[in-house]
Amino acid sequence: MAAPPYPAIALAVLALSWMQARAADSVPLAVESRIELGDVRGRIDHLAVNLKRQRLYVAELGNDSVGVIDLKEGNIVQNLRGLREPQGIGYEPTTDTLYVANGQDGSVRMFRGGDLTALGAIDLGDDADNVRIEDTAHRIWVGYGGGALAVIDADTRRKVADIPLSAHPESFRLEPNGPRIFINLPNARQIAVVDRVAKRQVATWRAGMLLANFPLALDDADRVLSVFRVQASLAVYRKQDGRRLQVLETCGDSDDLFFDAKRRRVYVTCGQGAIDVFSRGANGYQHMGRLTTSSGARTSLFVPEWDRLYLAVRATSSTSAAIWVIRPEP
């Protein structure tokens, strides 16, 4: 029998394409429902959840508002208006306070969790962005400006410290069983490691040829996961020393990344209009499927307590803005 008219490299490419297509056919995510956001235009940024009240908060950056969704009823119950490009958002349960970081004026606005009355603002000066809640220490961490983390005391609702950084911080995560914070600094082309007890940067992990690291997450195997937009890649680092273990291709224009400990999976949400799913095995992470979503839908929130991924989907010329409720499978 004559050999097929393809060189070996072409056969390898065809085989890889076939395997990728097979993986795409078995996406381990399902869109369960959609919750309309009403007349919301422009970019939607980050989300936060109030577990007790079953509320989802949506930073509607392009609308200068925060949408408040009752997840039990599946509808909007309130809109907080008059904000200035809300970006980061976080709910602190012990003091029942919602924190909203505003990019345009650099403020962190505070609202009572129950009736959402305004409780005042903390002026950080410039580009207040991602918000993280440290429940055990009653602290709120906010990245802002040309390079800093602000520390807010939850009990007094006052800023108590600043930690300088070499560039504006994008996504960052607090080590759950240690003192470190891992921070994406795309303009410095690095991941910074901060000791939150000493309140200073203690290590720098260089990104090399990868650029624009925005989302970041931690898994339960002492790995730091960072997604770069150029070239679109998921990079896996050893938390102990920053050694890069893997680089895997992923979808483009990502802004959120979450680790699902129950399934040992990672969800990467991308403005390209996709969610990539990676699974962790004995030999590291591997791509296992892609869910097609909507262009610009790059922010999300995975809530392990409810086993759901909430995806913020922008309005288009033919569809209104919405939150897609996505169920991991199986």
C-alpha atoms as a PDB file:
ATOM      1  CA  MET A   1       0.000   0.000   0.000  1.00  0.00           C
ATOM      2  CA  ALA A   2       1.321   3.440  -0.903  1.00  0.00           C
ATOM      3  CA  ALA A   3       2.084   5.809   1.928  1.00  0.00           C
ATOM      4  CA  PRO A   4      -0.321   8.761   2.298  1.00  0.00           C
ATOM      5  CA  PRO A   5       0.909  11.960   0.641  1.00  0.00           C
ATOM      6  CA  TYR A   6       1.631  13.762   3.950  1.00  0.00           C
ATOM      7  CA  PRO A   7       4.939  14.333   5.710  1.00  0.00           C
ATOM      8  CA  ALA A   8       5.206  13.142   9.318  1.00  0.00           C
ATOM      9  CA  ILE A   9       4.881  16.663  10.744  1.00  0.00           C
ATOM     10  CA  ALA A  10       1.612  17.203   8.864  1.00  0.00           C
ATOM     11  CA  LEU A  11       0.237  13.947  10.256  1.00  0.00           C
ATOM     12  CA  ALA A  12       1.176  15.088  13.766  1.00  0.00           C
ATOM     13  CA  VAL A  13      -0.641  18.402  13.245  1.00  0.00           C
ATOM     14  CA  LEU A  14      -3.723  16.585  11.944  1.00  0.00           C
ATOM     15  CA  ALA A  15      -3.694  14.246  14.922  1.00  0.00           C
ATOM     16  CA  LEU A  16      -3.363  17.156  17.341  1.00  0.00           C
ATOM     17  CA  SER A  17      -6.243  19.004  15.654  1.00  0.00           C
ATOM     18  CA  TRP A  18      -8.388  15.876  15.900  1.00  0.00           C
ATOM     19  CA  MET A  19      -7.614  15.466  19.597  1.00  0.00           C
ATOM     20  CA  GLN A  20      -8.390  19.136  20.285  1.00  0.00           C
ATOM     21  CA  ALA A  21     -11.694  18.814  18.431  1.00  0.00           C
ATOM     22  CA  ARG A  22     -12.563  15.715  20.464  1.00  0.00           C
ATOM     23  CA  ALA A  23     -11.758  17.600  23.695  1.00  0.00           C
ATOM     24  CA  ALA A  24     -13.950  20.509  22.595  1.00  0.00           C
ATOM     25  CA  ASP A  25     -16.835  18.073  22.022  1.00  0.00           C
ATOM     26  CA  SER A  26     -16.839  17.033  25.688  1.00  0.00           C
ATOM     27  CA  VAL A  27     -16.890  20.389  27.474  1.00  0.00           C
ATOM     28  CA  PRO A  28     -17.293  19.762  31.227  1.00  0.00           C
ATOM     29  CA  LEU A  29     -19.440  22.886  31.698  1.00  0.00           C
ATOM     30  CA  ALA A  30     -23.146  23.537  31.058  1.00  0.00           C
ATOM     31  CA  VAL A  31     -25.020  26.855  30.961  1.00  0.00           C
ATOM     32  CA  GLU A  32     -27.781  26.350  33.505  1.00  0.00           C
ATOM     33  CA  SER A  33     -29.564  29.713  33.291  1.00  0.00           C
ATOM     34  CA  ARG A  34     -29.202  33.390  32.421  1.00  0.00           C
ATOM     35  CA  ILE A  35     -30.039  36.337  34.647  1.00  0.00           C
ATOM     36  CA  GLU A  36     -30.732  39.586  32.783  1.00  0.00           C
ATOM     37  CA  LEU A  37     -28.983  42.700  34.106  1.00  0.00           C
ATOM     38  CA  GLY A  38     -31.318  45.232  32.494  1.00  0.00           C
ATOM     39  CA  ASP A  39     -30.081  48.382  30.787  1.00  0.00           C
ATOM     40  CA  VAL A  40     -26.371  47.877  31.388  1.00  0.00           C
ATOM     41  CA  ARG A  41     -23.974  49.008  28.680  1.00  0.00           C
ATOM     42  CA  GLY A  42     -20.231  48.682  28.269  1.00  0.00           C
ATOM     43  CA  ARG A  43     -17.646  46.721  30.140  1.00  0.00           C
ATOM     44  CA  ILE A  44     -18.467  44.585  33.178  1.00  0.00           C
ATOM     45  CA  ASP A  45     -15.689  43.983  35.683  1.00  0.00           C
ATOM     46  CA  HIS A  46     -15.435  41.751  38.757  1.00  0.00           C
ATOM     47  CA  LEU A  47     -18.045  40.024  40.909  1.00  0.00           C
ATOM     48  CA  ALA A  48     -18.508  39.169  44.587  1.00  0.00           C
ATOM     49  CA  VAL A  49     -20.960  37.080  46.581  1.00  0.00           C
ATOM     50  CA  ASN A  50     -22.877  37.321  49.849  1.00  0.00           C
ATOM     51  CA  LEU A  51     -23.419  33.685  50.810  1.00  0.00           C
ATOM     52  CA  LYS A  52     -25.857  34.300  53.660  1.00  0.00           C
ATOM     53  CA  ARG A  53     -28.219  36.494  51.631  1.00  0.00           C
ATOM     54  CA  GLN A  54     -27.592  34.601  48.383  1.00  0.00           C
ATOM     55  CA  ARG A  55     -26.675  37.774  46.564  1.00  0.00           C
ATOM     56  CA  LEU A  56     -24.284  38.342  43.697  1.00  0.00           C
ATOM     57  CA  TYR A  57     -22.707  41.781  43.246  1.00  0.00           C
ATOM     58  CA  VAL A  58     -21.686  42.827  39.724  1.00  0.00           C
ATOM     59  CA  ALA A  59     -19.264  45.724  39.078  1.00  0.00           C
ATOM     60  CA  GLU A  60     -20.808  47.341  35.984  1.00  0.00           C
ATOM     61  CA  LEU A  61     -17.801  49.483  35.133  1.00  0.00           C
ATOM     62  CA  GLY A  62     -19.133  50.976  31.888  1.00  0.00           C
ATOM     63  CA  ASN A  63     -22.425  51.820  33.584  1.00  0.00           C
ATOM     64  CA  ASP A  64     -20.929  53.387  36.759  1.00  0.00           C
ATOM     65  CA  SER A  65     -23.108  51.048  38.803  1.00  0.00           C
ATOM     66  CA  VAL A  66     -23.184  47.830  40.817  1.00  0.00           C
ATOM     67  CA  GLY A  67     -25.942  45.346  40.126  1.00  0.00           C
ATOM     68  CA  VAL A  68     -27.284  43.353  43.059  1.00  0.00           C
ATOM     69  CA  ILE A  69     -28.767  39.976  42.118  1.00  0.00           C
ATOM     70  CA  ASP A  70     -30.943  37.754  44.291  1.00  0.00           C
ATOM     71  CA  LEU A  71     -29.672  34.343  43.198  1.00  0.00           C
ATOM     72  CA  LYS A  72     -32.513  32.501  44.877  1.00  0.00           C
ATOM     73  CA  GLU A  73     -35.088  34.393  42.811  1.00  0.00           C
ATOM     74  CA  GLY A  74     -32.815  34.880  39.807  1.00  0.00           C
ATOM     75  CA  ASN A  75     -33.349  38.600  39.329  1.00  0.00           C
ATOM     76  CA  ILE A  76     -31.981  42.080  39.993  1.00  0.00           C
ATOM     77  CA  VAL A  77     -33.120  43.507  43.316  1.00  0.00           C
ATOM     78  CA  GLN A  78     -31.157  46.768  43.421  1.00  0.00           C
ATOM     79  CA  ASN A  79     -28.674  48.957  41.542  1.00  0.00           C
ATOM     80  CA  LEU A  80     -26.053  51.065  43.273  1.00  0.00           C
ATOM     81  CA  ARG A  81     -25.553  54.095  41.039  1.00  0.00           C
ATOM     82  CA  GLY A  82     -23.300  57.140  40.992  1.00  0.00           C
ATOM     83  CA  LEU A  83     -20.064  55.145  41.183  1.00  0.00           C
ATOM     84  CA  ARG A  84     -16.930  55.985  39.163  1.00  0.00           C
ATOM     85  CA  GLU A  85     -15.904  52.996  37.070  1.00  0.00           C
ATOM     86  CA  PRO A  86     -16.338  50.245  39.683  1.00  0.00           C
ATOM     87  CA  GLN A  87     -13.735  47.532  39.174  1.00  0.00           C
ATOM     88  CA  GLY A  88     -13.009  45.377  42.226  1.00  0.00           C
ATOM     89  CA  ILE A  89     -15.684  44.343  44.677  1.00  0.00           C
ATOM     90  CA  GLY A  90     -15.742  42.336  47.908  1.00  0.00           C
ATOM     91  CA  TYR A  91     -18.137  41.487  50.724  1.00  0.00           C
ATOM     92  CA  GLU A  92     -16.821  41.301  54.302  1.00  0.00           C
ATOM     93  CA  PRO A  93     -19.248  39.142  56.332  1.00  0.00           C
ATOM     94  CA  THR A  94     -18.188  39.843  59.925  1.00  0.00           C
ATOM     95  CA  THR A  95     -19.057  43.539  59.607  1.00  0.00           C
ATOM     96  CA  ASP A  96     -21.687  43.024  56.885  1.00  0.00           C
ATOM     97  CA  THR A  97     -20.002  45.486  54.542  1.00  0.00           C
ATOM     98  CA  LEU A  98     -19.719  45.660  50.769  1.00  0.00           C
ATOM     99  CA  TYR A  99     -16.525  47.266  49.406  1.00  0.00           C
ATOM    100  CA  VAL A 100     -16.442  48.696  45.866  1.00  0.00           C
ATOM    101  CA  ALA A 101     -13.151  49.911  44.347  1.00  0.00           C
ATOM    102  CA  ASN A 102     -13.510  52.664  41.718  1.00  0.00           C
ATOM    103  CA  GLY A 103     -10.967  53.098  38.960  1.00  0.00           C
ATOM    104  CA  GLN A 104     -11.792  56.621  37.886  1.00  0.00           C
ATOM    105  CA  ASP A 105     -11.527  58.455  41.205  1.00  0.00           C
ATOM    106  CA  GLY A 106      -9.492  55.912  43.200  1.00  0.00           C
ATOM    107  CA  SER A 107     -12.068  55.583  45.964  1.00  0.00           C
ATOM    108  CA  VAL A 108     -13.275  52.536  47.864  1.00  0.00           C
ATOM    109  CA  ARG A 109     -16.982  53.014  48.581  1.00  0.00           C
ATOM    110  CA  MET A 110     -18.597  51.084  51.432  1.00  0.00           C
ATOM    111  CA  PHE A 111     -22.221  49.938  51.762  1.00  0.00           C
ATOM    112  CA  ARG A 112     -24.171  48.172  54.483  1.00  0.00           C
ATOM    113  CA  GLY A 113     -24.836  44.579  53.455  1.00  0.00           C
ATOM    114  CA  GLY A 114     -28.527  44.492  54.392  1.00  0.00           C
ATOM    115  CA  ASP A 115     -30.119  47.605  52.925  1.00  0.00           C
ATOM    116  CA  LEU A 116     -27.025  48.760  50.950  1.00  0.00           C
ATOM    117  CA  THR A 117     -26.996  52.235  52.469  1.00  0.00           C
ATOM    118  CA  ALA A 118     -23.752  54.145  51.919  1.00  0.00           C
ATOM    119  CA  LEU A 119     -21.231  53.964  54.779  1.00  0.00           C
ATOM    120  CA  GLY A 120     -18.629  56.353  53.413  1.00  0.00           C
ATOM    121  CA  ALA A 121     -15.512  56.116  51.251  1.00  0.00           C
ATOM    122  CA  ILE A 122     -11.762  55.700  51.526  1.00  0.00           C
ATOM    123  CA  ASP A 123      -9.764  57.783  49.053  1.00  0.00           C
ATOM    124  CA  LEU A 124      -6.802  55.850  47.659  1.00  0.00           C
ATOM    125  CA  GLY A 125      -6.078  58.498  45.046  1.00  0.00           C
ATOM    126  CA  ASP A 126      -5.893  56.576  41.776  1.00  0.00           C
ATOM    127  CA  ASP A 127      -7.164  53.470  39.970  1.00  0.00           C
ATOM    128  CA  ALA A 128      -8.561  51.398  42.841  1.00  0.00           C
ATOM    129  CA  ASP A 129      -8.861  47.912  41.369  1.00  0.00           C
ATOM    130  CA  ASN A 130      -8.948  44.337  42.699  1.00  0.00           C
ATOM    131  CA  VAL A 131     -10.336  43.659  46.187  1.00  0.00           C
ATOM    132  CA  ARG A 132      -9.587  40.663  48.430  1.00  0.00           C
ATOM    133  CA  ILE A 133     -11.140  39.875  51.804  1.00  0.00           C
ATOM    134  CA  GLU A 134      -9.015  38.353  54.589  1.00  0.00           C
ATOM    135  CA  ASP A 135     -11.745  37.041  56.876  1.00  0.00           C
ATOM    136  CA  THR A 136      -9.616  35.784  59.760  1.00  0.00           C
ATOM    137  CA  ALA A 137      -7.704  39.036  60.180  1.00  0.00           C
ATOM    138  CA  HIS A 138     -10.701  41.294  59.419  1.00  0.00           C
ATOM    139  CA  ARG A 139      -8.777  43.029  56.640  1.00  0.00           C
ATOM    140  CA  ILE A 140      -9.575  44.186  53.139  1.00  0.00           C
ATOM    141  CA  TRP A 141      -6.793  44.357  50.560  1.00  0.00           C
ATOM    142  CA  VAL A 142      -7.073  46.655  47.547  1.00  0.00           C
ATOM    143  CA  GLY A 143      -4.634  47.041  44.663  1.00  0.00           C
ATOM    144  CA  TYR A 144      -4.380  50.573  43.344  1.00  0.00           C
ATOM    145  CA  GLY A 145      -2.404  53.335  41.671  1.00  0.00           C
ATOM    146  CA  GLY A 146       0.992  53.091  40.060  1.00  0.00           C
ATOM    147  CA  GLY A 147       1.931  50.310  42.437  1.00  0.00           C
ATOM    148  CA  ALA A 148       0.526  49.613  45.903  1.00  0.00           C
ATOM    149  CA  LEU A 149      -1.657  47.424  48.068  1.00  0.00           C
ATOM    150  CA  ALA A 150      -3.854  49.231  50.580  1.00  0.00           C
ATOM    151  CA  VAL A 151      -4.780  47.487  53.825  1.00  0.00           C
ATOM    152  CA  ILE A 152      -8.172  48.404  55.303  1.00  0.00           C
ATOM    153  CA  ASP A 153      -9.249  47.428  58.800  1.00  0.00           C
ATOM    154  CA  ALA A 154     -12.751  45.939  58.594  1.00  0.00           C
ATOM    155  CA  ASP A 155     -13.747  46.951  62.124  1.00  0.00           C
ATOM    156  CA  THR A 156     -12.846  50.630  61.830  1.00  0.00           C
ATOM    157  CA  ARG A 157     -13.319  50.855  58.032  1.00  0.00           C
ATOM    158  CA  ARG A 158     -10.072  52.824  57.754  1.00  0.00           C
ATOM    159  CA  LYS A 159      -6.901  52.342  55.770  1.00  0.00           C
ATOM    160  CA  VAL A 160      -4.164  51.200  58.143  1.00  0.00           C
ATOM    161  CA  ALA A 161      -1.218  50.453  55.835  1.00  0.00           C
ATOM    162  CA  ASP A 162       0.228  50.627  52.327  1.00  0.00           C
ATOM    163  CA  ILE A 163       2.623  48.181  50.707  1.00  0.00           C
ATOM    164  CA  PRO A 164       4.580  49.660  47.775  1.00  0.00           C
ATOM    165  CA  LEU A 165       4.976  47.724  44.520  1.00  0.00           C
ATOM    166  CA  SER A 166       6.908  48.410  41.338  1.00  0.00           C
ATOM    167  CA  ALA A 167       3.801  48.656  39.098  1.00  0.00           C
ATOM    168  CA  HIS A 168       0.003  48.640  39.193  1.00  0.00           C
ATOM    169  CA  PRO A 169      -1.263  45.335  40.641  1.00  0.00           C
ATOM    170  CA  GLU A 170      -3.791  43.291  38.751  1.00  0.00           C
ATOM    171  CA  SER A 171      -5.125  40.035  40.213  1.00  0.00           C
ATOM    172  CA  PHE A 172      -3.601  38.899  43.511  1.00  0.00           C
ATOM    173  CA  ARG A 173      -4.281  36.096  45.975  1.00  0.00           C
ATOM    174  CA  LEU A 174      -3.638  35.639  49.681  1.00  0.00           C
ATOM    175  CA  GLU A 175      -1.946  32.427  50.731  1.00  0.00           C
ATOM    176  CA  PRO A 176      -4.561  30.617  52.873  1.00  0.00           C
ATOM    177  CA  ASN A 177      -2.087  28.927  55.226  1.00  0.00           C
ATOM    178  CA  GLY A 178       0.790  31.357  55.211  1.00  0.00           C
ATOM    179  CA  PRO A 179       1.733  35.047  55.179  1.00  0.00           C
ATOM    180  CA  ARG A 180       2.340  35.553  51.466  1.00  0.00           C
ATOM    181  CA  ILE A 181       0.424  37.395  48.755  1.00  0.00           C
ATOM    182  CA  PHE A 182       1.065  36.590  45.089  1.00  0.00           C
ATOM    183  CA  ILE A 183       0.488  39.548  42.772  1.00  0.00           C
ATOM    184  CA  ASN A 184       0.446  39.980  39.009  1.00  0.00           C
ATOM    185  CA  LEU A 185       2.350  43.118  37.923  1.00  0.00           C
ATOM    186  CA  PRO A 186       1.977  43.115  34.124  1.00  0.00           C
ATOM    187  CA  ASN A 187       3.682  46.474  33.561  1.00  0.00           C
ATOM    188  CA  ALA A 188       6.740  45.222  35.458  1.00  0.00           C
ATOM    189  CA  ARG A 189       6.573  41.826  33.694  1.00  0.00           C
ATOM    190  CA  GLN A 190       6.654  39.944  36.967  1.00  0.00           C
ATOM    191  CA  ILE A 191       4.769  38.205  39.736  1.00  0.00           C
ATOM    192  CA  ALA A 192       5.518  39.872  43.056  1.00  0.00           C
ATOM    193  CA  VAL A 193       5.498  37.991  46.358  1.00  0.00           C
ATOM    194  CA  VAL A 194       4.625  40.058  49.431  1.00  0.00           C
ATOM    195  CA  ASP A 195       4.850  39.103  53.092  1.00  0.00           C
ATOM    196  CA  ARG A 196       1.661  40.530  54.552  1.00  0.00           C
ATOM    197  CA  VAL A 197       3.002  40.366  58.110  1.00  0.00           C
ATOM    198  CA  ALA A 198       6.241  42.200  57.293  1.00  0.00           C
ATOM    199  CA  LYS A 199       4.290  44.381  54.801  1.00  0.00           C
ATOM    200  CA  ARG A 200       6.940  44.301  52.097  1.00  0.00           C
ATOM    201  CA  GLN A 201       7.820  42.515  48.871  1.00  0.00           C
ATOM    202  CA  VAL A 202      10.072  39.534  49.523  1.00  0.00           C
ATOM    203  CA  ALA A 203      10.459  37.928  46.076  1.00  0.00           C
ATOM    204  CA  THR A 204      10.155  38.669  42.370  1.00  0.00           C
ATOM    205  CA  TRP A 205       9.324  36.086  39.725  1.00  0.00           C
ATOM    206  CA  ARG A 206      10.238  37.256  36.227  1.00  0.00           C
ATOM    207  CA  ALA A 207       7.790  36.531  33.411  1.00  0.00           C
ATOM    208  CA  GLY A 208      10.381  36.201  30.674  1.00  0.00           C
ATOM    209  CA  MET A 209       8.885  36.416  27.179  1.00  0.00           C
ATOM    210  CA  LEU A 210       5.290  36.168  28.406  1.00  0.00           C
ATOM    211  CA  LEU A 211       3.409  39.468  28.663  1.00  0.00           C
ATOM    212  CA  ALA A 212       0.261  40.929  30.227  1.00  0.00           C
ATOM    213  CA  ASN A 213      -0.369  38.654  33.222  1.00  0.00           C
ATOM    214  CA  PHE A 214      -3.799  39.608  34.556  1.00  0.00           C
ATOM    215  CA  PRO A 215      -5.667  36.675  36.232  1.00  0.00           C
ATOM    216  CA  LEU A 216      -4.035  34.714  39.047  1.00  0.00           C
ATOM    217  CA  ALA A 217      -5.136  31.825  41.275  1.00  0.00           C
ATOM    218  CA  LEU A 218      -3.717  29.308  43.762  1.00  0.00           C
ATOM    219  CA  ASP A 219      -4.436  25.597  43.683  1.00  0.00           C
ATOM    220  CA  ASP A 220      -4.309  23.110  46.569  1.00  0.00           C
ATOM    221  CA  ALA A 221      -1.007  21.587  45.453  1.00  0.00           C
ATOM    222  CA  ASP A 222       1.194  24.598  46.223  1.00  0.00           C
ATOM    223  CA  ARG A 223       0.975  25.953  42.692  1.00  0.00           C
ATOM    224  CA  VAL A 224       0.514  29.543  41.564  1.00  0.00           C
ATOM    225  CA  LEU A 225      -1.448  29.851  38.313  1.00  0.00           C
ATOM    226  CA  SER A 226      -1.147  32.976  36.168  1.00  0.00           C
ATOM    227  CA  VAL A 227      -2.663  33.704  32.766  1.00  0.00           C
ATOM    228  CA  PHE A 228      -0.824  35.878  30.262  1.00  0.00           C
ATOM    229  CA  ARG A 229      -2.570  37.575  27.360  1.00  0.00           C
ATOM    230  CA  VAL A 230       0.543  37.662  25.130  1.00  0.00           C
ATOM    231  CA  GLN A 231       0.939  34.928  24.065  1.00  0.00           C
ATOM    232  CA  ALA A 232      -2.319  33.643  25.555  1.00  0.00           C
ATOM    233  CA  SER A 233      -0.975  31.134  28.090  1.00  0.00           C
ATOM    234  CA  LEU A 234      -1.650  29.534  31.445  1.00  0.00           C
ATOM    235  CA  ALA A 235       1.629  29.381  33.378  1.00  0.00           C
ATOM    236  CA  VAL A 236       2.041  27.098  36.400  1.00  0.00           C
ATOM    237  CA  TYR A 237       4.611  28.026  39.090  1.00  0.00           C
ATOM    238  CA  ARG A 238       5.860  26.221  42.171  1.00  0.00           C
ATOM    239  CA  LYS A 239       4.738  28.341  45.115  1.00  0.00           C
ATOM    240  CA  GLN A 240       7.814  27.539  47.154  1.00  0.00           C
ATOM    241  CA  ASP A 241      10.331  29.269  44.883  1.00  0.00           C
ATOM    242  CA  GLY A 242       8.591  30.524  41.738  1.00  0.00           C
ATOM    243  CA  ARG A 243       9.989  27.872  39.437  1.00  0.00           C
ATOM    244  CA  ARG A 244       7.857  27.710  36.297  1.00  0.00           C
ATOM    245  CA  LEU A 245       6.658  24.160  35.729  1.00  0.00           C
ATOM    246  CA  GLN A 246       4.309  24.430  32.752  1.00  0.00           C
ATOM    247  CA  VAL A 247       3.062  26.805  30.066  1.00  0.00           C
ATOM    248  CA  LEU A 248      -0.143  25.814  28.274  1.00  0.00           C
ATOM    249  CA  GLU A 249      -1.974  27.595  25.469  1.00  0.00           C
ATOM    250  CA  THR A 250      -5.324  29.097  26.461  1.00  0.00           C
ATOM    251  CA  CYS A 251      -8.030  31.421  25.156  1.00  0.00           C
ATOM    252  CA  GLY A 252      -7.343  35.104  24.546  1.00  0.00           C
ATOM    253  CA  ASP A 253      -8.077  38.256  26.580  1.00  0.00           C
ATOM    254  CA  SER A 254      -8.586  36.517  29.918  1.00  0.00           C
ATOM    255  CA  ASP A 255      -9.416  38.463  33.071  1.00  0.00           C
ATOM    256  CA  ASP A 256     -10.431  35.786  35.578  1.00  0.00           C
ATOM    257  CA  LEU A 257      -9.108  32.393  36.644  1.00  0.00           C
ATOM    258  CA  PHE A 258     -10.405  29.989  39.295  1.00  0.00           C
ATOM    259  CA  PHE A 259      -9.386  26.662  40.778  1.00  0.00           C
ATOM    260  CA  ASP A 260     -12.102  24.078  41.464  1.00  0.00           C
ATOM    261  CA  ALA A 261     -10.691  21.994  44.345  1.00  0.00           C
ATOM    262  CA  LYS A 262     -13.511  19.430  44.186  1.00  0.00           C
ATOM    263  CA  ARG A 263     -12.596  18.402  40.641  1.00  0.00           C
ATOM    264  CA  ARG A 264      -8.967  19.610  40.512  1.00  0.00           C
ATOM    265  CA  ARG A 265      -9.852  21.790  37.553  1.00  0.00           C
ATOM    266  CA  VAL A 266      -9.099  25.330  36.433  1.00  0.00           C
ATOM    267  CA  TYR A 267     -11.534  27.663  34.663  1.00  0.00           C
ATOM    268  CA  VAL A 268     -10.112  30.479  32.499  1.00  0.00           C
ATOM    269  CA  THR A 269     -12.694  33.033  31.287  1.00  0.00           C
ATOM    270  CA  CYS A 270     -11.756  35.016  28.197  1.00  0.00           C
ATOM    271  CA  GLY A 271     -12.980  38.052  26.292  1.00  0.00           C
ATOM    272  CA  GLN A 272     -12.321  36.068  23.139  1.00  0.00           C
ATOM    273  CA  GLY A 273     -15.678  34.456  23.939  1.00  0.00           C
ATOM    274  CA  ALA A 274     -14.645  31.230  25.618  1.00  0.00           C
ATOM    275  CA  ILE A 275     -14.003  29.445  28.890  1.00  0.00           C
ATOM    276  CA  ASP A 276     -11.090  27.030  28.878  1.00  0.00           C
ATOM    277  CA  VAL A 277     -11.051  24.122  31.325  1.00  0.00           C
ATOM    278  CA  PHE A 278      -7.850  22.447  32.500  1.00  0.00           C
ATOM    279  CA  SER A 279      -7.593  19.373  34.714  1.00  0.00           C
ATOM    280  CA  ARG A 280      -4.717  18.478  37.021  1.00  0.00           C
ATOM    281  CA  GLY A 281      -3.318  14.982  36.924  1.00  0.00           C
ATOM    282  CA  ALA A 282      -0.189  13.195  38.050  1.00  0.00           C
ATOM    283  CA  ASN A 283       1.849  14.910  35.332  1.00  0.00           C
ATOM    284  CA  GLY A 284       0.477  18.408  35.819  1.00  0.00           C
ATOM    285  CA  TYR A 285      -2.279  20.310  34.044  1.00  0.00           C
ATOM    286  CA  GLN A 286      -3.786  19.495  30.681  1.00  0.00           C
ATOM    287  CA  HIS A 287      -6.515  21.109  28.579  1.00  0.00           C
ATOM    288  CA  MET A 288      -9.809  19.217  28.715  1.00  0.00           C
ATOM    289  CA  GLY A 289     -12.381  21.403  26.944  1.00  0.00           C
ATOM    290  CA  ARG A 290     -13.630  24.822  25.847  1.00  0.00           C
ATOM    291  CA  LEU A 291     -17.087  26.361  26.242  1.00  0.00           C
ATOM    292  CA  THR A 292     -18.043  29.018  23.691  1.00  0.00           C
ATOM    293  CA  THR A 293     -19.568  32.070  25.396  1.00  0.00           C
ATOM    294  CA  SER A 294     -19.807  35.666  24.113  1.00  0.00           C
ATOM    295  CA  SER A 295     -17.269  38.246  22.957  1.00  0.00           C
ATOM    296  CA  GLY A 296     -16.073  40.418  25.852  1.00  0.00           C
ATOM    297  CA  ALA A 297     -17.254  37.999  28.555  1.00  0.00           C
ATOM    298  CA  ARG A 298     -13.956  37.838  30.419  1.00  0.00           C
ATOM    299  CA  THR A 299     -14.881  38.290  34.099  1.00  0.00           C
ATOM    300  CA  SER A 300     -16.449  35.655  36.314  1.00  0.00           C
ATOM    301  CA  LEU A 301     -16.704  34.224  39.820  1.00  0.00           C
ATOM    302  CA  PHE A 302     -16.535  30.588  40.872  1.00  0.00           C
ATOM    303  CA  VAL A 303     -18.425  29.920  44.126  1.00  0.00           C
ATOM    304  CA  PRO A 304     -17.416  26.488  45.478  1.00  0.00           C
ATOM    305  CA  GLU A 305     -20.105  26.566  48.181  1.00  0.00           C
ATOM    306  CA  TRP A 306     -22.737  26.493  45.434  1.00  0.00           C
ATOM    307  CA  ASP A 307     -20.630  24.663  42.843  1.00  0.00           C
ATOM    308  CA  ARG A 308     -21.374  27.280  40.185  1.00  0.00           C
ATOM    309  CA  LEU A 309     -19.404  29.605  37.917  1.00  0.00           C
ATOM    310  CA  TYR A 310     -21.008  33.000  37.292  1.00  0.00           C
ATOM    311  CA  LEU A 311     -19.986  34.661  34.020  1.00  0.00           C
ATOM    312  CA  ALA A 312     -20.537  38.367  33.268  1.00  0.00           C
ATOM    313  CA  VAL A 313     -21.712  38.794  29.666  1.00  0.00           C
ATOM    314  CA  ARG A 314     -21.749  42.256  28.097  1.00  0.00           C
ATOM    315  CA  ALA A 315     -24.611  43.680  26.088  1.00  0.00           C
ATOM    316  CA  THR A 316     -24.352  43.457  22.304  1.00  0.00           C
ATOM    317  CA  SER A 317     -26.346  45.094  19.518  1.00  0.00           C
ATOM    318  CA  SER A 318     -28.876  42.266  19.738  1.00  0.00           C
ATOM    319  CA  THR A 319     -28.707  40.980  23.332  1.00  0.00           C
ATOM    320  CA  SER A 320     -28.820  42.562  26.783  1.00  0.00           C
ATOM    321  CA  ALA A 321     -26.177  42.171  29.475  1.00  0.00           C
ATOM    322  CA  ALA A 322     -26.576  39.095  31.645  1.00  0.00           C
ATOM    323  CA  ILE A 323     -25.020  36.753  34.151  1.00  0.00           C
ATOM    324  CA  TRP A 324     -24.692  33.213  32.885  1.00  0.00           C
ATOM    325  CA  VAL A 325     -24.968  30.579  35.611  1.00  0.00           C
ATOM    326  CA  ILE A 326     -22.655  27.728  34.605  1.00  0.00           C
ATOM    327  CA  ARG A 327     -22.630  24.263  36.172  1.00  0.00           C
ATOM    328  CA  PRO A 328     -19.455  22.152  36.155  1.00  0.00           C
ATOM    329  CA  GLU A 329     -19.974  18.564  35.040  1.00  0.00           C
ATOM    330  CA  PRO A 330     -19.908  15.932  36.284  1.00  0.00           C
END
